């Protein structure tokens, strides 16, 4: 799976869980990280998916989420 992230978050994931997160040369210049799904629990994946969504979601949806809508 490929997740949108920030370069800082990607560096953290690579440093703390190199067996689960990685990237190939193709993705080096992009704020993306590859995930080995067999190495990540559903519980750990959920906030990463939410963060990835937050990186690309329209502002109106982000605002609605912040309001709890």
PDB file of N, CA and C in Angstrom:
ATOM      1  N   UNK A   1       0.848  -1.164   0.000  1.00  0.00           N
ATOM      2  CA  UNK A   1       0.000   0.000   0.000  1.00  0.00           C
ATOM      3  C   UNK A   1       0.896   1.230   0.000  1.00  0.00           C
ATOM      4  N   UNK A   2       0.466   2.256  -0.693  1.00  0.00           N
ATOM      5  CA  UNK A   2       1.178   3.527  -0.709  1.00  0.00           C
ATOM      6  C   UNK A   2       0.340   4.546   0.053  1.00  0.00           C
ATOM      7  N   UNK A   3       0.974   5.242   0.995  1.00  0.00           N
ATOM      8  CA  UNK A   3       0.286   6.268   1.774  1.00  0.00           C
ATOM      9  C   UNK A   3       0.923   7.629   1.545  1.00  0.00           C
ATOM     10  N   UNK A   4       0.074   8.632   1.436  1.00  0.00           N
ATOM     11  CA  UNK A   4       0.552  10.012   1.407  1.00  0.00           C
ATOM     12  C   UNK A   4       0.978  10.352   2.833  1.00  0.00           C
ATOM     13  N   UNK A   5       2.072  11.072   2.959  1.00  0.00           N
ATOM     14  CA  UNK A   5       2.571  11.476   4.265  1.00  0.00           C
ATOM     15  C   UNK A   5       3.398  12.739   4.089  1.00  0.00           C
ATOM     16  N   UNK A   6       4.138  13.107   5.074  1.00  0.00           N
ATOM     17  CA  UNK A   6       5.113  14.184   4.938  1.00  0.00           C
ATOM     18  C   UNK A   6       6.498  13.544   4.904  1.00  0.00           C
ATOM     19  N   UNK A   7       7.481  14.282   4.445  1.00  0.00           N
ATOM     20  CA  UNK A   7       8.835  13.743   4.429  1.00  0.00           C
ATOM     21  C   UNK A   7       9.321  13.457   5.850  1.00  0.00           C
ATOM     22  N   UNK A   8       8.925  14.309   6.799  1.00  0.00           N
ATOM     23  CA  UNK A   8       9.332  14.126   8.192  1.00  0.00           C
ATOM     24  C   UNK A   8       8.703  12.862   8.778  1.00  0.00           C
ATOM     25  N   UNK A   9       7.412  12.672   8.530  1.00  0.00           N
ATOM     26  CA  UNK A   9       6.728  11.477   9.041  1.00  0.00           C
ATOM     27  C   UNK A   9       7.287  10.220   8.384  1.00  0.00           C
ATOM     28  N   UNK A  10       7.592  10.304   7.102  1.00  0.00           N
ATOM     29  CA  UNK A  10       8.174   9.150   6.414  1.00  0.00           C
ATOM     30  C   UNK A  10       9.511   8.775   7.046  1.00  0.00           C
ATOM     31  N   UNK A  11      10.340   9.756   7.306  1.00  0.00           N
ATOM     32  CA  UNK A  11      11.638   9.488   7.928  1.00  0.00           C
ATOM     33  C   UNK A  11      11.467   8.816   9.283  1.00  0.00           C
ATOM     34  N   UNK A  12      10.486   9.275  10.042  1.00  0.00           N
ATOM     35  CA  UNK A  12      10.213   8.671  11.351  1.00  0.00           C
ATOM     36  C   UNK A  12       9.762   7.214  11.206  1.00  0.00           C
ATOM     37  N   UNK A  13       8.836   6.961  10.286  1.00  0.00           N
ATOM     38  CA  UNK A  13       8.352   5.592  10.078  1.00  0.00           C
ATOM     39  C   UNK A  13       9.482   4.672   9.628  1.00  0.00           C
ATOM     40  N   UNK A  14      10.318   5.154   8.736  1.00  0.00           N
ATOM     41  CA  UNK A  14      11.435   4.339   8.239  1.00  0.00           C
ATOM     42  C   UNK A  14      12.428   4.034   9.357  1.00  0.00           C
ATOM     43  N   UNK A  15      12.646   4.992  10.233  1.00  0.00           N
ATOM     44  CA  UNK A  15      13.605   4.804  11.323  1.00  0.00           C
ATOM     45  C   UNK A  15      13.072   3.884  12.412  1.00  0.00           C
ATOM     46  N   UNK A  16      11.767   3.979  12.674  1.00  0.00           N
ATOM     47  CA  UNK A  16      11.213   3.208  13.794  1.00  0.00           C
ATOM     48  C   UNK A  16      10.663   1.850  13.391  1.00  0.00           C
ATOM     49  N   UNK A  17      10.217   1.691  12.152  1.00  0.00           N
ATOM     50  CA  UNK A  17       9.636   0.419  11.705  1.00  0.00           C
ATOM     51  C   UNK A  17      10.090   0.076  10.290  1.00  0.00           C
ATOM     52  N   UNK A  18      11.396  -0.147  10.096  1.00  0.00           N
ATOM     53  CA  UNK A  18      11.901  -0.398   8.736  1.00  0.00           C
ATOM     54  C   UNK A  18      11.377  -1.687   8.111  1.00  0.00           C
ATOM     55  N   UNK A  19      10.916  -2.621   8.910  1.00  0.00           N
ATOM     56  CA  UNK A  19      10.341  -3.844   8.352  1.00  0.00           C
ATOM     57  C   UNK A  19       8.940  -3.647   7.804  1.00  0.00           C
ATOM     58  N   UNK A  20       8.278  -2.605   8.270  1.00  0.00           N
ATOM     59  CA  UNK A  20       6.901  -2.353   7.869  1.00  0.00           C
ATOM     60  C   UNK A  20       6.777  -1.239   6.835  1.00  0.00           C
ATOM     61  N   UNK A  21       7.680  -0.261   6.898  1.00  0.00           N
ATOM     62  CA  UNK A  21       7.597   0.905   6.017  1.00  0.00           C
ATOM     63  C   UNK A  21       8.872   1.035   5.208  1.00  0.00           C
ATOM     64  N   UNK A  22       8.711   1.419   3.957  1.00  0.00           N
ATOM     65  CA  UNK A  22       9.859   1.554   3.070  1.00  0.00           C
ATOM     66  C   UNK A  22       9.470   2.424   1.889  1.00  0.00           C
ATOM     67  N   UNK A  23      10.437   2.734   1.033  1.00  0.00           N
ATOM     68  CA  UNK A  23      10.123   3.382  -0.233  1.00  0.00           C
ATOM     69  C   UNK A  23      11.152   2.928  -1.254  1.00  0.00           C
ATOM     70  N   UNK A  24      10.792   3.051  -2.493  1.00  0.00           N
ATOM     71  CA  UNK A  24      11.689   2.713  -3.587  1.00  0.00           C
ATOM     72  C   UNK A  24      12.197   4.019  -4.208  1.00  0.00           C
ATOM     73  N   UNK A  25      13.187   3.920  -5.037  1.00  0.00           N
ATOM     74  CA  UNK A  25      13.741   5.109  -5.688  1.00  0.00           C
ATOM     75  C   UNK A  25      12.670   5.907  -6.422  1.00  0.00           C
ATOM     76  N   UNK A  26      11.702   5.219  -6.960  1.00  0.00           N
ATOM     77  CA  UNK A  26      10.615   5.884  -7.681  1.00  0.00           C
ATOM     78  C   UNK A  26       9.895   6.902  -6.797  1.00  0.00           C
ATOM     79  N   UNK A  27       9.794   6.623  -5.490  1.00  0.00           N
ATOM     80  CA  UNK A  27       9.053   7.476  -4.559  1.00  0.00           C
ATOM     81  C   UNK A  27       9.942   8.435  -3.768  1.00  0.00           C
ATOM     82  N   UNK A  28      11.252   8.422  -4.006  1.00  0.00           N
ATOM     83  CA  UNK A  28      12.184   9.224  -3.202  1.00  0.00           C
ATOM     84  C   UNK A  28      11.797  10.702  -3.130  1.00  0.00           C
ATOM     85  N   UNK A  29      11.391  11.282  -4.208  1.00  0.00           N
ATOM     86  CA  UNK A  29      11.111  12.730  -4.269  1.00  0.00           C
ATOM     87  C   UNK A  29       9.653  13.076  -3.964  1.00  0.00           C
ATOM     88  N   UNK A  30       8.876  12.105  -3.534  1.00  0.00           N
ATOM     89  CA  UNK A  30       7.456  12.333  -3.265  1.00  0.00           C
ATOM     90  C   UNK A  30       7.160  12.057  -1.795  1.00  0.00           C
ATOM     91  N   UNK A  31       6.200  12.765  -1.216  1.00  0.00           N
ATOM     92  CA  UNK A  31       5.852  12.546   0.193  1.00  0.00           C
ATOM     93  C   UNK A  31       4.948  11.319   0.357  1.00  0.00           C
ATOM     94  N   UNK A  32       5.501  10.165   0.037  1.00  0.00           N
ATOM     95  CA  UNK A  32       4.771   8.904   0.070  1.00  0.00           C
ATOM     96  C   UNK A  32       5.614   7.861   0.785  1.00  0.00           C
ATOM     97  N   UNK A  33       4.937   6.881   1.365  1.00  0.00           N
ATOM     98  CA  UNK A  33       5.623   5.758   1.997  1.00  0.00           C
ATOM     99  C   UNK A  33       4.890   4.476   1.614  1.00  0.00           C
ATOM    100  N   UNK A  34       5.645   3.427   1.404  1.00  0.00           N
ATOM    101  CA  UNK A  34       5.067   2.116   1.111  1.00  0.00           C
ATOM    102  C   UNK A  34       4.899   1.354   2.418  1.00  0.00           C
ATOM    103  N   UNK A  35       3.831   0.571   2.496  1.00  0.00           N
ATOM    104  CA  UNK A  35       3.504  -0.167   3.716  1.00  0.00           C
ATOM    105  C   UNK A  35       3.417  -1.652   3.407  1.00  0.00           C
ATOM    106  N   UNK A  36       4.112  -2.457   4.180  1.00  0.00           N
ATOM    107  CA  UNK A  36       3.943  -3.906   4.105  1.00  0.00           C
ATOM    108  C   UNK A  36       2.779  -4.249   5.036  1.00  0.00           C
ATOM    109  N   UNK A  37       1.623  -4.468   4.465  1.00  0.00           N
ATOM    110  CA  UNK A  37       0.416  -4.659   5.260  1.00  0.00           C
ATOM    111  C   UNK A  37       0.519  -5.843   6.217  1.00  0.00           C
ATOM    112  N   UNK A  38       1.277  -6.846   5.863  1.00  0.00           N
ATOM    113  CA  UNK A  38       1.439  -8.005   6.745  1.00  0.00           C
ATOM    114  C   UNK A  38       2.229  -7.662   8.000  1.00  0.00           C
ATOM    115  N   UNK A  39       2.882  -6.492   8.011  1.00  0.00           N
ATOM    116  CA  UNK A  39       3.714  -6.093   9.140  1.00  0.00           C
ATOM    117  C   UNK A  39       3.088  -4.998  10.010  1.00  0.00           C
ATOM    118  N   UNK A  40       1.881  -4.560   9.640  1.00  0.00           N
ATOM    119  CA  UNK A  40       1.238  -3.455  10.352  1.00  0.00           C
ATOM    120  C   UNK A  40      -0.152  -3.887  10.794  1.00  0.00           C
ATOM    121  N   UNK A  41      -0.455  -3.657  12.052  1.00  0.00           N
ATOM    122  CA  UNK A  41      -1.787  -4.008  12.554  1.00  0.00           C
ATOM    123  C   UNK A  41      -2.820  -3.010  12.044  1.00  0.00           C
ATOM    124  N   UNK A  42      -4.049  -3.451  12.044  1.00  0.00           N
ATOM    125  CA  UNK A  42      -5.148  -2.568  11.642  1.00  0.00           C
ATOM    126  C   UNK A  42      -5.203  -1.351  12.557  1.00  0.00           C
ATOM    127  N   UNK A  43      -4.948  -1.579  13.834  1.00  0.00           N
ATOM    128  CA  UNK A  43      -4.966  -0.499  14.823  1.00  0.00           C
ATOM    129  C   UNK A  43      -3.882   0.543  14.525  1.00  0.00           C
ATOM    130  N   UNK A  44      -2.706   0.098  14.109  1.00  0.00           N
ATOM    131  CA  UNK A  44      -1.628   1.029  13.785  1.00  0.00           C
ATOM    132  C   UNK A  44      -1.853   1.718  12.444  1.00  0.00           C
ATOM    133  N   UNK A  45      -2.550   1.058  11.545  1.00  0.00           N
ATOM    134  CA  UNK A  45      -2.774   1.608  10.209  1.00  0.00           C
ATOM    135  C   UNK A  45      -3.836   2.710  10.201  1.00  0.00           C
ATOM    136  N   UNK A  46      -4.804   2.604  11.077  1.00  0.00           N
ATOM    137  CA  UNK A  46      -5.920   3.558  11.074  1.00  0.00           C
ATOM    138  C   UNK A  46      -5.475   5.022  11.177  1.00  0.00           C
ATOM    139  N   UNK A  47      -4.634   5.406  12.141  1.00  0.00           N
ATOM    140  CA  UNK A  47      -4.231   6.825  12.187  1.00  0.00           C
ATOM    141  C   UNK A  47      -3.390   7.240  10.983  1.00  0.00           C
ATOM    142  N   UNK A  48      -2.650   6.305  10.409  1.00  0.00           N
ATOM    143  CA  UNK A  48      -1.872   6.630   9.216  1.00  0.00           C
ATOM    144  C   UNK A  48      -2.790   6.914   8.028  1.00  0.00           C
ATOM    145  N   UNK A  49      -3.857   6.154   7.915  1.00  0.00           N
ATOM    146  CA  UNK A  49      -4.839   6.396   6.850  1.00  0.00           C
ATOM    147  C   UNK A  49      -5.539   7.736   7.059  1.00  0.00           C
ATOM    148  N   UNK A  50      -5.869   8.042   8.311  1.00  0.00           N
ATOM    149  CA  UNK A  50      -6.506   9.332   8.607  1.00  0.00           C
ATOM    150  C   UNK A  50      -5.562  10.487   8.272  1.00  0.00           C
ATOM    151  N   UNK A  51      -4.293  10.341   8.624  1.00  0.00           N
ATOM    152  CA  UNK A  51      -3.317  11.384   8.304  1.00  0.00           C
ATOM    153  C   UNK A  51      -3.153  11.537   6.795  1.00  0.00           C
ATOM    154  N   UNK A  52      -3.116  10.414   6.083  1.00  0.00           N
ATOM    155  CA  UNK A  52      -2.980  10.449   4.629  1.00  0.00           C
ATOM    156  C   UNK A  52      -4.171  11.169   4.004  1.00  0.00           C
ATOM    157  N   UNK A  53      -5.356  10.876   4.505  1.00  0.00           N
ATOM    158  CA  UNK A  53      -6.555  11.550   4.014  1.00  0.00           C
ATOM    159  C   UNK A  53      -6.453  13.051   4.290  1.00  0.00           C
ATOM    160  N   UNK A  54      -5.972  13.396   5.483  1.00  0.00           N
ATOM    161  CA  UNK A  54      -5.843  14.800   5.851  1.00  0.00           C
ATOM    162  C   UNK A  54      -4.872  15.571   4.967  1.00  0.00           C
ATOM    163  N   UNK A  55      -3.925  14.879   4.381  1.00  0.00           N
ATOM    164  CA  UNK A  55      -2.965  15.526   3.488  1.00  0.00           C
ATOM    165  C   UNK A  55      -3.584  15.941   2.151  1.00  0.00           C
ATOM    166  N   UNK A  56      -4.676  15.288   1.751  1.00  0.00           N
ATOM    167  CA  UNK A  56      -5.242  15.553   0.428  1.00  0.00           C
ATOM    168  C   UNK A  56      -6.710  15.987   0.451  1.00  0.00           C
ATOM    169  N   UNK A  57      -7.350  15.923   1.592  1.00  0.00           N
ATOM    170  CA  UNK A  57      -8.773  16.248   1.675  1.00  0.00           C
ATOM    171  C   UNK A  57      -9.021  17.738   1.417  1.00  0.00           C
ATOM    172  N   UNK A  58     -10.155  18.045   0.818  1.00  0.00           N
ATOM    173  CA  UNK A  58     -10.515  19.452   0.615  1.00  0.00           C
ATOM    174  C   UNK A  58     -10.704  20.162   1.962  1.00  0.00           C
ATOM    175  N   UNK A  59     -10.441  21.442   1.985  1.00  0.00           N
ATOM    176  CA  UNK A  59     -10.535  22.217   3.226  1.00  0.00           C
ATOM    177  C   UNK A  59     -11.918  22.145   3.851  1.00  0.00           C
ATOM    178  N   UNK A  60     -12.954  22.102   3.044  1.00  0.00           N
ATOM    179  CA  UNK A  60     -14.316  22.064   3.603  1.00  0.00           C
ATOM    180  C   UNK A  60     -14.551  20.752   4.349  1.00  0.00           C
ATOM    181  N   UNK A  61     -13.981  19.645   3.855  1.00  0.00           N
ATOM    182  CA  UNK A  61     -14.122  18.380   4.569  1.00  0.00           C
ATOM    183  C   UNK A  61     -13.294  18.362   5.846  1.00  0.00           C
ATOM    184  N   UNK A  62     -12.118  18.945   5.788  1.00  0.00           N
ATOM    185  CA  UNK A  62     -11.306  19.053   7.001  1.00  0.00           C
ATOM    186  C   UNK A  62     -12.004  19.873   8.061  1.00  0.00           C
ATOM    187  N   UNK A  63     -12.635  20.986   7.637  1.00  0.00           N
ATOM    188  CA  UNK A  63     -13.364  21.832   8.573  1.00  0.00           C
ATOM    189  C   UNK A  63     -14.565  21.082   9.147  1.00  0.00           C
ATOM    190  N   UNK A  64     -15.285  20.348   8.318  1.00  0.00           N
ATOM    191  CA  UNK A  64     -16.436  19.575   8.801  1.00  0.00           C
ATOM    192  C   UNK A  64     -15.988  18.518   9.796  1.00  0.00           C
ATOM    193  N   UNK A  65     -14.884  17.874   9.530  1.00  0.00           N
ATOM    194  CA  UNK A  65     -14.362  16.870  10.462  1.00  0.00           C
ATOM    195  C   UNK A  65     -13.982  17.511  11.786  1.00  0.00           C
ATOM    196  N   UNK A  66     -13.361  18.693  11.738  1.00  0.00           N
ATOM    197  CA  UNK A  66     -12.973  19.381  12.956  1.00  0.00           C
ATOM    198  C   UNK A  66     -14.182  19.777  13.792  1.00  0.00           C
ATOM    199  N   UNK A  67     -15.301  20.055  13.120  1.00  0.00           N
ATOM    200  CA  UNK A  67     -16.549  20.392  13.825  1.00  0.00           C
ATOM    201  C   UNK A  67     -17.257  19.147  14.345  1.00  0.00           C
ATOM    202  N   UNK A  68     -16.782  17.972  13.929  1.00  0.00           N
ATOM    203  CA  UNK A  68     -17.422  16.741  14.360  1.00  0.00           C
ATOM    204  C   UNK A  68     -18.591  16.347  13.492  1.00  0.00           C
ATOM    205  N   UNK A  69     -18.697  16.966  12.324  1.00  0.00           N
ATOM    206  CA  UNK A  69     -19.814  16.671  11.420  1.00  0.00           C
ATOM    207  C   UNK A  69     -19.545  15.421  10.612  1.00  0.00           C
TER     208      UNK A  69
END
